[in-house]
Protein backbone atom coordinates (compact mmCIF):
# COMPACT_ATOMS: atom_id res chain seq x y z
CA UNK A 1 97.98 114.03 37.72
CA UNK A 2 96.92 110.36 37.60
CA UNK A 3 99.02 107.88 39.55
CA UNK A 4 99.16 104.09 39.59
CA UNK A 5 98.47 102.43 42.89
CA UNK A 6 99.34 98.87 43.88
CA UNK A 7 96.26 97.41 42.14
CA UNK A 8 96.93 99.10 38.84
CA UNK A 9 94.05 101.59 39.09
CA UNK A 10 94.52 105.16 38.07
CA UNK A 11 93.16 107.85 40.34
CA UNK A 12 93.22 111.55 40.07
CA UNK A 13 93.96 113.34 43.32
CA UNK A 14 90.43 114.77 43.47
CA UNK A 15 88.80 111.38 42.97
CA UNK A 16 90.92 109.88 45.71
CA UNK A 17 90.10 112.74 48.10
CA UNK A 18 86.41 112.34 47.29
CA UNK A 19 86.51 108.63 48.05
CA UNK A 20 88.31 109.21 51.34
CA UNK A 21 85.90 111.97 52.34
CA UNK A 22 82.89 109.77 51.57
CA UNK A 23 84.27 106.94 53.69
CA UNK A 24 85.07 109.32 56.56
CA UNK A 25 81.57 110.80 56.42
CA UNK A 26 80.16 107.28 56.69
CA UNK A 27 82.32 106.59 59.72
CA UNK A 28 81.22 109.84 61.36
CA UNK A 29 77.55 108.95 60.84
CA UNK A 30 78.09 105.50 62.33
CA UNK A 31 79.89 107.00 65.32
CA UNK A 32 76.97 109.38 65.91
CA UNK A 33 74.54 106.43 65.82
CA UNK A 34 76.72 104.50 68.26
CA UNK A 35 76.82 107.49 70.62
CA UNK A 36 73.02 107.75 70.66
CA UNK A 37 72.74 104.01 71.34
CA UNK A 38 75.24 104.29 74.19
CA UNK A 39 73.24 107.16 75.70
CA UNK A 40 70.03 105.12 75.65
CA UNK A 41 71.78 102.11 77.17
CA UNK A 42 73.31 104.32 79.87
CA UNK A 43 69.84 105.64 80.79
CA UNK A 44 68.53 102.08 81.15
CA UNK A 45 71.51 101.01 83.25
CA UNK A 46 71.14 104.02 85.54
CA UNK A 47 67.45 103.18 85.99
CA UNK A 48 68.36 99.61 86.86
CA UNK A 49 70.95 100.80 89.38
CA UNK A 50 68.29 102.80 91.19
CA UNK A 51 65.94 99.82 91.27
CA UNK A 52 68.67 97.52 92.57
CA UNK A 53 69.62 100.02 95.28
CA UNK A 54 65.96 100.24 96.33
CA UNK A 55 65.66 96.47 96.48
CA UNK A 56 68.85 96.24 98.53
CA UNK A 57 67.67 98.87 100.99
CA UNK A 58 64.29 97.16 101.36
CA UNK A 59 65.85 93.74 101.97
CA UNK A 60 68.25 95.23 104.50
CA UNK A 61 65.38 96.87 106.39
CA UNK A 62 63.33 93.65 106.41
CA UNK A 63 66.28 91.58 107.65
CA UNK A 64 66.96 94.11 110.41
CA UNK A 65 63.33 94.07 111.54
CA UNK A 66 63.21 90.25 111.47
CA UNK A 67 66.45 90.05 113.47
CA UNK A 68 65.09 92.40 116.11
CA UNK A 69 61.80 90.44 116.31
CA UNK A 70 63.60 87.12 116.68
CA UNK A 71 65.86 88.61 119.35
CA UNK A 72 62.85 89.87 121.30
CA UNK A 73 61.06 86.52 121.00
CA UNK A 74 64.11 84.64 122.25
CA UNK A 75 64.60 87.03 125.16
CA UNK A 76 60.97 86.86 126.26
């Protein structure tokens, strides 16, 4: 049974359901694309975290060694 909406268009129930389903399918596809992009970004961020942790550990070790060397030089 056709009905008038606010804009004056006439839709049958099946046409309206088809339009809604098409729009929802488009949204689902976009969400899937966004999820894959988020996964790839998460992998890059995790890789960067490991690199940053390695850099931090290396700097900490170097500073400790330099501190001990300076301490020994001042004592001797």
